[in-house]
Amino acid sequence: DRVAAAATALLQAAPDEFVVLGFSLGGFVALDALRTAPDRVAGVILLSGNAFPDDQANADVRRAEVAAGRAEGLRVAGQLLCLPPVRRRMIL
């Protein structure tokens, strides 16, 4: 699991006690570090993420956005990300 591996690497590199900021997928890493070592993580800040796994519809949209970015370039993926989720589903 890549999230668990990233959390392990974070804990190996971090000081004995720290506050972790997780952006997007990094939020899952931050929460996994907190779950793994609650005595070391003094706080967690989540930006553009959440504490819940993707539901299937959101995961499908996210995967389509990644595919669009790979196929069409980041400009197109960035344009899709600026749209509300309902609009993105209509386009993809």
PDB file of N, CA and C in Angstrom:
ATOM      1  N   ASP A   1       0.844  -1.182   0.000  1.00  0.00           N
ATOM      2  CA  ASP A   1       0.000   0.000   0.000  1.00  0.00           C
ATOM      3  C   ASP A   1       0.891   1.248   0.000  1.00  0.00           C
ATOM      4  N   ARG A   2       0.714   2.102  -1.008  1.00  0.00           N
ATOM      5  CA  ARG A   2       1.579   3.277  -1.156  1.00  0.00           C
ATOM      6  C   ARG A   2       1.383   4.297  -0.048  1.00  0.00           C
ATOM      7  N   VAL A   3       0.162   4.429   0.449  1.00  0.00           N
ATOM      8  CA  VAL A   3      -0.082   5.382   1.537  1.00  0.00           C
ATOM      9  C   VAL A   3       0.672   4.946   2.784  1.00  0.00           C
ATOM     10  N   ALA A   4       0.581   3.678   3.136  1.00  0.00           N
ATOM     11  CA  ALA A   4       1.289   3.173   4.316  1.00  0.00           C
ATOM     12  C   ALA A   4       2.800   3.319   4.155  1.00  0.00           C
ATOM     13  N   ALA A   5       3.313   3.055   2.957  1.00  0.00           N
ATOM     14  CA  ALA A   5       4.760   3.212   2.715  1.00  0.00           C
ATOM     15  C   ALA A   5       5.179   4.666   2.866  1.00  0.00           C
ATOM     16  N   ALA A   6       4.369   5.585   2.366  1.00  0.00           N
ATOM     17  CA  ALA A   6       4.686   7.013   2.502  1.00  0.00           C
ATOM     18  C   ALA A   6       4.618   7.444   3.963  1.00  0.00           C
ATOM     19  N   ALA A   7       3.631   6.934   4.707  1.00  0.00           N
ATOM     20  CA  ALA A   7       3.525   7.266   6.128  1.00  0.00           C
ATOM     21  C   ALA A   7       4.728   6.732   6.902  1.00  0.00           C
ATOM     22  N   THR A   8       5.175   5.539   6.557  1.00  0.00           N
ATOM     23  CA  THR A   8       6.361   4.967   7.202  1.00  0.00           C
ATOM     24  C   THR A   8       7.590   5.824   6.918  1.00  0.00           C
ATOM     25  N   ALA A   9       7.760   6.242   5.672  1.00  0.00           N
ATOM     26  CA  ALA A   9       8.899   7.108   5.312  1.00  0.00           C
ATOM     27  C   ALA A   9       8.812   8.440   6.052  1.00  0.00           C
ATOM     28  N   LEU A  10       7.610   8.989   6.146  1.00  0.00           N
ATOM     29  CA  LEU A  10       7.418  10.241   6.884  1.00  0.00           C
ATOM     30  C   LEU A  10       7.835  10.075   8.338  1.00  0.00           C
ATOM     31  N   LEU A  11       7.383   9.016   8.971  1.00  0.00           N
ATOM     32  CA  LEU A  11       7.712   8.786  10.383  1.00  0.00           C
ATOM     33  C   LEU A  11       9.204   8.553  10.591  1.00  0.00           C
ATOM     34  N   GLN A  12       9.854   7.941   9.628  1.00  0.00           N
ATOM     35  CA  GLN A  12      11.303   7.722   9.748  1.00  0.00           C
ATOM     36  C   GLN A  12      12.076   9.032   9.648  1.00  0.00           C
ATOM     37  N   ALA A  13      11.573   9.968   8.846  1.00  0.00           N
ATOM     38  CA  ALA A  13      12.290  11.223   8.616  1.00  0.00           C
ATOM     39  C   ALA A  13      11.912  12.330   9.598  1.00  0.00           C
ATOM     40  N   ALA A  14      10.776  12.203  10.238  1.00  0.00           N
ATOM     41  CA  ALA A  14      10.245  13.277  11.081  1.00  0.00           C
ATOM     42  C   ALA A  14      10.897  13.273  12.465  1.00  0.00           C
ATOM     43  N   PRO A  15      10.839  14.418  13.138  1.00  0.00           N
ATOM     44  CA  PRO A  15      11.330  14.466  14.525  1.00  0.00           C
ATOM     45  C   PRO A  15      10.427  13.648  15.456  1.00  0.00           C
ATOM     46  N   ASP A  16      10.805  13.568  16.721  1.00  0.00           N
ATOM     47  CA  ASP A  16      10.055  12.755  17.681  1.00  0.00           C
ATOM     48  C   ASP A  16       8.595  13.187  17.813  1.00  0.00           C
ATOM     49  N   GLU A  17       8.351  14.492  17.716  1.00  0.00           N
ATOM     50  CA  GLU A  17       6.988  15.010  17.759  1.00  0.00           C
ATOM     51  C   GLU A  17       6.860  16.080  16.684  1.00  0.00           C
ATOM     52  N   PHE A  18       5.744  16.060  15.946  1.00  0.00           N
ATOM     53  CA  PHE A  18       5.593  16.990  14.835  1.00  0.00           C
ATOM     54  C   PHE A  18       4.132  17.169  14.480  1.00  0.00           C
ATOM     55  N   VAL A  19       3.860  18.231  13.737  1.00  0.00           N
ATOM     56  CA  VAL A  19       2.551  18.474  13.138  1.00  0.00           C
ATOM     57  C   VAL A  19       2.718  18.214  11.653  1.00  0.00           C
ATOM     58  N   VAL A  20       1.786  17.483  11.069  1.00  0.00           N
ATOM     59  CA  VAL A  20       1.889  17.134   9.653  1.00  0.00           C
ATOM     60  C   VAL A  20       0.768  17.809   8.878  1.00  0.00           C
ATOM     61  N   LEU A  21       1.129  18.350   7.728  1.00  0.00           N
ATOM     62  CA  LEU A  21       0.162  18.950   6.820  1.00  0.00           C
ATOM     63  C   LEU A  21       0.051  18.026   5.614  1.00  0.00           C
ATOM     64  N   GLY A  22      -1.164  17.595   5.322  1.00  0.00           N
ATOM     65  CA  GLY A  22      -1.384  16.716   4.180  1.00  0.00           C
ATOM     66  C   GLY A  22      -2.244  17.414   3.145  1.00  0.00           C
ATOM     67  N   PHE A  23      -1.729  17.508   1.926  1.00  0.00           N
ATOM     68  CA  PHE A  23      -2.471  18.104   0.817  1.00  0.00           C
ATOM     69  C   PHE A  23      -2.977  17.002  -0.089  1.00  0.00           C
ATOM     70  N   SER A  24      -4.277  16.941  -0.313  1.00  0.00           N
ATOM     71  CA  SER A  24      -4.911  15.969  -1.195  1.00  0.00           C
ATOM     72  C   SER A  24      -4.575  14.547  -0.732  1.00  0.00           C
ATOM     73  N   LEU A  25      -3.919  13.751  -1.559  1.00  0.00           N
ATOM     74  CA  LEU A  25      -3.561  12.389  -1.170  1.00  0.00           C
ATOM     75  C   LEU A  25      -2.673  12.384   0.073  1.00  0.00           C
ATOM     76  N   GLY A  26      -1.897  13.441   0.242  1.00  0.00           N
ATOM     77  CA  GLY A  26      -1.056  13.561   1.435  1.00  0.00           C
ATOM     78  C   GLY A  26      -1.863  13.557   2.722  1.00  0.00           C
ATOM     79  N   GLY A  27      -3.145  13.904   2.624  1.00  0.00           N
ATOM     80  CA  GLY A  27      -4.011  13.833   3.792  1.00  0.00           C
ATOM     81  C   GLY A  27      -4.165  12.403   4.289  1.00  0.00           C
ATOM     82  N   PHE A  28      -4.269  11.462   3.364  1.00  0.00           N
ATOM     83  CA  PHE A  28      -4.345  10.053   3.754  1.00  0.00           C
ATOM     84  C   PHE A  28      -3.034   9.612   4.403  1.00  0.00           C
ATOM     85  N   VAL A  29      -1.916  10.116   3.892  1.00  0.00           N
ATOM     86  CA  VAL A  29      -0.606   9.794   4.475  1.00  0.00           C
ATOM     87  C   VAL A  29      -0.525  10.362   5.890  1.00  0.00           C
ATOM     88  N   ALA A  30      -0.962  11.621   6.052  1.00  0.00           N
ATOM     89  CA  ALA A  30      -0.940  12.249   7.373  1.00  0.00           C
ATOM     90  C   ALA A  30      -1.795  11.471   8.365  1.00  0.00           C
ATOM     91  N   LEU A  31      -2.987  11.073   7.940  1.00  0.00           N
ATOM     92  CA  LEU A  31      -3.870  10.322   8.829  1.00  0.00           C
ATOM     93  C   LEU A  31      -3.313   8.941   9.153  1.00  0.00           C
ATOM     94  N   ASP A  32      -2.637   8.316   8.194  1.00  0.00           N
ATOM     95  CA  ASP A  32      -2.025   7.015   8.464  1.00  0.00           C
ATOM     96  C   ASP A  32      -0.868   7.158   9.445  1.00  0.00           C
ATOM     97  N   ALA A  33      -0.104   8.243   9.320  1.00  0.00           N
ATOM     98  CA  ALA A  33       0.974   8.498  10.289  1.00  0.00           C
ATOM     99  C   ALA A  33       0.382   8.699  11.684  1.00  0.00           C
ATOM    100  N   LEU A  34      -0.713   9.430  11.777  1.00  0.00           N
ATOM    101  CA  LEU A  34      -1.388   9.646  13.061  1.00  0.00           C
ATOM    102  C   LEU A  34      -1.881   8.322  13.636  1.00  0.00           C
ATOM    103  N   ARG A  35      -2.465   7.486  12.797  1.00  0.00           N
ATOM    104  CA  ARG A  35      -2.957   6.184  13.256  1.00  0.00           C
ATOM    105  C   ARG A  35      -1.810   5.294  13.732  1.00  0.00           C
ATOM    106  N   THR A  36      -0.693   5.357  13.007  1.00  0.00           N
ATOM    107  CA  THR A  36       0.453   4.500  13.307  1.00  0.00           C
ATOM    108  C   THR A  36       1.219   4.964  14.545  1.00  0.00           C
ATOM    109  N   ALA A  37       1.376   6.280  14.700  1.00  0.00           N
ATOM    110  CA  ALA A  37       2.193   6.818  15.794  1.00  0.00           C
ATOM    111  C   ALA A  37       1.506   8.015  16.452  1.00  0.00           C
ATOM    112  N   PRO A  38       0.371   7.798  17.101  1.00  0.00           N
ATOM    113  CA  PRO A  38      -0.366   8.924  17.688  1.00  0.00           C
ATOM    114  C   PRO A  38       0.422   9.679  18.752  1.00  0.00           C
ATOM    115  N   ASP A  39       1.377   9.025  19.374  1.00  0.00           N
ATOM    116  CA  ASP A  39       2.205   9.693  20.381  1.00  0.00           C
ATOM    117  C   ASP A  39       3.198  10.672  19.763  1.00  0.00           C
ATOM    118  N   ARG A  40       3.472  10.547  18.490  1.00  0.00           N
ATOM    119  CA  ARG A  40       4.440  11.424  17.823  1.00  0.00           C
ATOM    120  C   ARG A  40       3.781  12.550  17.043  1.00  0.00           C
ATOM    121  N   VAL A  41       2.568  12.331  16.553  1.00  0.00           N
ATOM    122  CA  VAL A  41       1.886  13.323  15.717  1.00  0.00           C
ATOM    123  C   VAL A  41       1.078  14.246  16.627  1.00  0.00           C
ATOM    124  N   ALA A  42       1.576  15.481  16.773  1.00  0.00           N
ATOM    125  CA  ALA A  42       0.930  16.452  17.668  1.00  0.00           C
ATOM    126  C   ALA A  42      -0.308  17.077  17.032  1.00  0.00           C
ATOM    127  N   GLY A  43      -0.391  17.028  15.705  1.00  0.00           N
ATOM    128  CA  GLY A  43      -1.547  17.587  15.016  1.00  0.00           C
ATOM    129  C   GLY A  43      -1.516  17.242  13.548  1.00  0.00           C
ATOM    130  N   VAL A  44      -2.693  17.317  12.926  1.00  0.00           N
ATOM    131  CA  VAL A  44      -2.835  17.041  11.499  1.00  0.00           C
ATOM    132  C   VAL A  44      -3.628  18.174  10.869  1.00  0.00           C
ATOM    133  N   ILE A  45      -3.118  18.688   9.765  1.00  0.00           N
ATOM    134  CA  ILE A  45      -3.815  19.706   8.982  1.00  0.00           C
ATOM    135  C   ILE A  45      -4.098  19.094   7.616  1.00  0.00           C
ATOM    136  N   LEU A  46      -5.370  19.081   7.218  1.00  0.00           N
ATOM    137  CA  LEU A  46      -5.750  18.534   5.921  1.00  0.00           C
ATOM    138  C   LEU A  46      -6.159  19.666   4.992  1.00  0.00           C
ATOM    139  N   LEU A  47      -5.548  19.716   3.811  1.00  0.00           N
ATOM    140  CA  LEU A  47      -5.893  20.698   2.788  1.00  0.00           C
ATOM    141  C   LEU A  47      -6.337  19.968   1.533  1.00  0.00           C
ATOM    142  N   SER A  48      -7.472  20.349   1.014  1.00  0.00           N
ATOM    143  CA  SER A  48      -7.986  19.774  -0.231  1.00  0.00           C
ATOM    144  C   SER A  48      -8.024  18.258  -0.170  1.00  0.00           C
ATOM    145  N   GLY A  49      -8.529  17.747   0.917  1.00  0.00           N
ATOM    146  CA  GLY A  49      -8.639  16.313   1.104  1.00  0.00           C
ATOM    147  C   GLY A  49      -9.710  16.022   2.131  1.00  0.00           C
ATOM    148  N   ASN A  50      -9.818  14.783   2.511  1.00  0.00           N
ATOM    149  CA  ASN A  50     -10.764  14.413   3.553  1.00  0.00           C
ATOM    150  C   ASN A  50     -10.303  13.133   4.221  1.00  0.00           C
ATOM    151  N   ALA A  51     -11.032  12.736   5.229  1.00  0.00           N
ATOM    152  CA  ALA A  51     -10.652  11.560   6.004  1.00  0.00           C
ATOM    153  C   ALA A  51     -11.357  10.298   5.536  1.00  0.00           C
ATOM    154  N   PHE A  52     -12.066  10.383   4.429  1.00  0.00           N
ATOM    155  CA  PHE A  52     -12.858   9.254   3.957  1.00  0.00           C
ATOM    156  C   PHE A  52     -12.336   8.764   2.612  1.00  0.00           C
ATOM    157  N   PRO A  53     -12.368   7.460   2.373  1.00  0.00           N
ATOM    158  CA  PRO A  53     -11.949   6.954   1.064  1.00  0.00           C
ATOM    159  C   PRO A  53     -12.915   7.403  -0.035  1.00  0.00           C
ATOM    160  N   ASP A  54     -12.424   7.409  -1.252  1.00  0.00           N
ATOM    161  CA  ASP A  54     -13.262   7.766  -2.402  1.00  0.00           C
ATOM    162  C   ASP A  54     -14.434   6.814  -2.538  1.00  0.00           C
ATOM    163  N   ASP A  55     -15.601   7.375  -2.870  1.00  0.00           N
ATOM    164  CA  ASP A  55     -16.663   6.496  -3.326  1.00  0.00           C
ATOM    165  C   ASP A  55     -16.371   6.199  -4.801  1.00  0.00           C
ATOM    166  N   GLN A  56     -17.047   5.235  -5.365  1.00  0.00           N
ATOM    167  CA  GLN A  56     -16.731   4.800  -6.725  1.00  0.00           C
ATOM    168  C   GLN A  56     -16.894   5.921  -7.747  1.00  0.00           C
ATOM    169  N   ALA A  57     -17.952   6.728  -7.620  1.00  0.00           N
ATOM    170  CA  ALA A  57     -18.179   7.806  -8.588  1.00  0.00           C
ATOM    171  C   ALA A  57     -17.047   8.820  -8.555  1.00  0.00           C
ATOM    172  N   ASN A  58     -16.595   9.204  -7.358  1.00  0.00           N
ATOM    173  CA  ASN A  58     -15.495  10.166  -7.248  1.00  0.00           C
ATOM    174  C   ASN A  58     -14.196   9.555  -7.767  1.00  0.00           C
ATOM    175  N   ALA A  59     -13.962   8.296  -7.456  1.00  0.00           N
ATOM    176  CA  ALA A  59     -12.745   7.629  -7.935  1.00  0.00           C
ATOM    177  C   ALA A  59     -12.726   7.573  -9.460  1.00  0.00           C
ATOM    178  N   ASP A  60     -13.877   7.307 -10.080  1.00  0.00           N
ATOM    179  CA  ASP A  60     -13.953   7.264 -11.543  1.00  0.00           C
ATOM    180  C   ASP A  60     -13.629   8.624 -12.154  1.00  0.00           C
ATOM    181  N   VAL A  61     -14.172   9.691 -11.558  1.00  0.00           N
ATOM    182  CA  VAL A  61     -13.902  11.047 -12.058  1.00  0.00           C
ATOM    183  C   VAL A  61     -12.428  11.377 -11.883  1.00  0.00           C
ATOM    184  N   ARG A  62     -11.861  11.063 -10.724  1.00  0.00           N
ATOM    185  CA  ARG A  62     -10.440  11.355 -10.468  1.00  0.00           C
ATOM    186  C   ARG A  62      -9.553  10.612 -11.458  1.00  0.00           C
ATOM    187  N   ARG A  63      -9.849   9.356 -11.716  1.00  0.00           N
ATOM    188  CA  ARG A  63      -9.051   8.581 -12.680  1.00  0.00           C
ATOM    189  C   ARG A  63      -9.168   9.162 -14.093  1.00  0.00           C
ATOM    190  N   ALA A  64     -10.363   9.614 -14.452  1.00  0.00           N
ATOM    191  CA  ALA A  64     -10.551  10.237 -15.766  1.00  0.00           C
ATOM    192  C   ALA A  64      -9.760  11.532 -15.865  1.00  0.00           C
ATOM    193  N   GLU A  65      -9.699  12.291 -14.786  1.00  0.00           N
ATOM    194  CA  GLU A  65      -8.922  13.536 -14.780  1.00  0.00           C
ATOM    195  C   GLU A  65      -7.433  13.240 -14.952  1.00  0.00           C
ATOM    196  N   VAL A  66      -6.955  12.207 -14.294  1.00  0.00           N
ATOM    197  CA  VAL A  66      -5.550  11.813 -14.444  1.00  0.00           C
ATOM    198  C   VAL A  66      -5.284  11.388 -15.883  1.00  0.00           C
ATOM    199  N   ALA A  67      -6.176  10.596 -16.448  1.00  0.00           N
ATOM    200  CA  ALA A  67      -6.014  10.153 -17.835  1.00  0.00           C
ATOM    201  C   ALA A  67      -6.026  11.342 -18.790  1.00  0.00           C
ATOM    202  N   ALA A  68      -6.915  12.323 -18.554  1.00  0.00           N
ATOM    203  CA  ALA A  68      -6.962  13.520 -19.406  1.00  0.00           C
ATOM    204  C   ALA A  68      -5.660  14.300 -19.301  1.00  0.00           C
ATOM    205  N   GLY A  69      -5.132  14.403 -18.092  1.00  0.00           N
ATOM    206  CA  GLY A  69      -3.862  15.098 -17.907  1.00  0.00           C
ATOM    207  C   GLY A  69      -2.726  14.419 -18.641  1.00  0.00           C
ATOM    208  N   ARG A  70      -2.709  13.101 -18.603  1.00  0.00           N
ATOM    209  CA  ARG A  70      -1.658  12.353 -19.304  1.00  0.00           C
ATOM    210  C   ARG A  70      -1.811  12.462 -20.821  1.00  0.00           C
ATOM    211  N   ALA A  71      -3.041  12.385 -21.299  1.00  0.00           N
ATOM    212  CA  ALA A  71      -3.281  12.390 -22.738  1.00  0.00           C
ATOM    213  C   ALA A  71      -3.232  13.784 -23.348  1.00  0.00           C
ATOM    214  N   GLU A  72      -3.782  14.762 -22.660  1.00  0.00           N
ATOM    215  CA  GLU A  72      -3.956  16.101 -23.230  1.00  0.00           C
ATOM    216  C   GLU A  72      -3.044  17.153 -22.622  1.00  0.00           C
ATOM    217  N   GLY A  73      -2.360  16.810 -21.547  1.00  0.00           N
ATOM    218  CA  GLY A  73      -1.506  17.786 -20.884  1.00  0.00           C
ATOM    219  C   GLY A  73      -2.190  18.374 -19.657  1.00  0.00           C
ATOM    220  N   LEU A  74      -1.394  18.963 -18.822  1.00  0.00           N
ATOM    221  CA  LEU A  74      -1.904  19.477 -17.553  1.00  0.00           C
ATOM    222  C   LEU A  74      -2.871  20.637 -17.727  1.00  0.00           C
ATOM    223  N   ARG A  75      -2.780  21.372 -18.809  1.00  0.00           N
ATOM    224  CA  ARG A  75      -3.702  22.496 -19.024  1.00  0.00           C
ATOM    225  C   ARG A  75      -5.139  21.993 -19.050  1.00  0.00           C
ATOM    226  N   VAL A  76      -5.391  20.919 -19.774  1.00  0.00           N
ATOM    227  CA  VAL A  76      -6.742  20.359 -19.871  1.00  0.00           C
ATOM    228  C   VAL A  76      -7.181  19.806 -18.521  1.00  0.00           C
ATOM    229  N   ALA A  77      -6.307  19.072 -17.850  1.00  0.00           N
ATOM    230  CA  ALA A  77      -6.658  18.533 -16.538  1.00  0.00           C
ATOM    231  C   ALA A  77      -6.945  19.664 -15.562  1.00  0.00           C
ATOM    232  N   GLY A  78      -6.169  20.725 -15.617  1.00  0.00           N
ATOM    233  CA  GLY A  78      -6.401  21.880 -14.750  1.00  0.00           C
ATOM    234  C   GLY A  78      -7.738  22.533 -15.019  1.00  0.00           C
ATOM    235  N   GLN A  79      -8.130  22.612 -16.276  1.00  0.00           N
ATOM    236  CA  GLN A  79      -9.438  23.170 -16.608  1.00  0.00           C
ATOM    237  C   GLN A  79     -10.552  22.308 -16.024  1.00  0.00           C
ATOM    238  N   LEU A  80     -10.397  20.995 -16.090  1.00  0.00           N
ATOM    239  CA  LEU A  80     -11.410  20.106 -15.523  1.00  0.00           C
ATOM    240  C   LEU A  80     -11.490  20.268 -14.012  1.00  0.00           C
ATOM    241  N   LEU A  81     -10.350  20.421 -13.367  1.00  0.00           N
ATOM    242  CA  LEU A  81     -10.343  20.555 -11.912  1.00  0.00           C
ATOM    243  C   LEU A  81     -11.025  21.833 -11.447  1.00  0.00           C
ATOM    244  N   CYS A  82     -11.089  22.839 -12.301  1.00  0.00           N
ATOM    245  CA  CYS A  82     -11.723  24.107 -11.931  1.00  0.00           C
ATOM    246  C   CYS A  82     -13.243  24.026 -12.021  1.00  0.00           C
ATOM    247  N   LEU A  83     -13.758  22.971 -12.606  1.00  0.00           N
ATOM    248  CA  LEU A  83     -15.202  22.816 -12.735  1.00  0.00           C
ATOM    249  C   LEU A  83     -15.774  22.143 -11.492  1.00  0.00           C
ATOM    250  N   PRO A  84     -17.012  22.457 -11.142  1.00  0.00           N
ATOM    251  CA  PRO A  84     -17.649  21.731 -10.036  1.00  0.00           C
ATOM    252  C   PRO A  84     -17.755  20.247 -10.390  1.00  0.00           C
ATOM    253  N   PRO A  85     -17.717  19.357  -9.390  1.00  0.00           N
ATOM    254  CA  PRO A  85     -17.747  17.915  -9.661  1.00  0.00           C
ATOM    255  C   PRO A  85     -18.899  17.466 -10.550  1.00  0.00           C
ATOM    256  N   VAL A  86     -20.069  18.035 -10.403  1.00  0.00           N
ATOM    257  CA  VAL A  86     -21.214  17.625 -11.223  1.00  0.00           C
ATOM    258  C   VAL A  86     -20.938  17.920 -12.688  1.00  0.00           C
ATOM    259  N   ARG A  87     -20.357  19.079 -12.983  1.00  0.00           N
ATOM    260  CA  ARG A  87     -20.024  19.469 -14.365  1.00  0.00           C
ATOM    261  C   ARG A  87     -18.954  18.550 -14.932  1.00  0.00           C
ATOM    262  N   ARG A  88     -17.957  18.192 -14.110  1.00  0.00           N
ATOM    263  CA  ARG A  88     -16.891  17.301 -14.566  1.00  0.00           C
ATOM    264  C   ARG A  88     -17.475  15.975 -15.002  1.00  0.00           C
ATOM    265  N   ARG A  89     -18.427  15.428 -14.236  1.00  0.00           N
ATOM    266  CA  ARG A  89     -19.027  14.142 -14.591  1.00  0.00           C
ATOM    267  C   ARG A  89     -19.750  14.236 -15.929  1.00  0.00           C
ATOM    268  N   MET A  90     -20.349  15.400 -16.207  1.00  0.00           N
ATOM    269  CA  MET A  90     -21.065  15.575 -17.471  1.00  0.00           C
ATOM    270  C   MET A  90     -20.087  15.567 -18.650  1.00  0.00           C
ATOM    271  N   ILE A  91     -18.910  16.143 -18.468  1.00  0.00           N
ATOM    272  CA  ILE A  91     -17.919  16.241 -19.546  1.00  0.00           C
ATOM    273  C   ILE A  91     -17.213  14.908 -19.746  1.00  0.00           C
ATOM    274  N   LEU A  92     -16.863  14.251 -18.645  1.00  0.00           N
ATOM    275  CA  LEU A  92     -16.108  13.005 -18.732  1.00  0.00           C
ATOM    276  C   LEU A  92     -17.065  11.875 -18.974  1.00  0.00           C
TER     277      LEU A  92
END
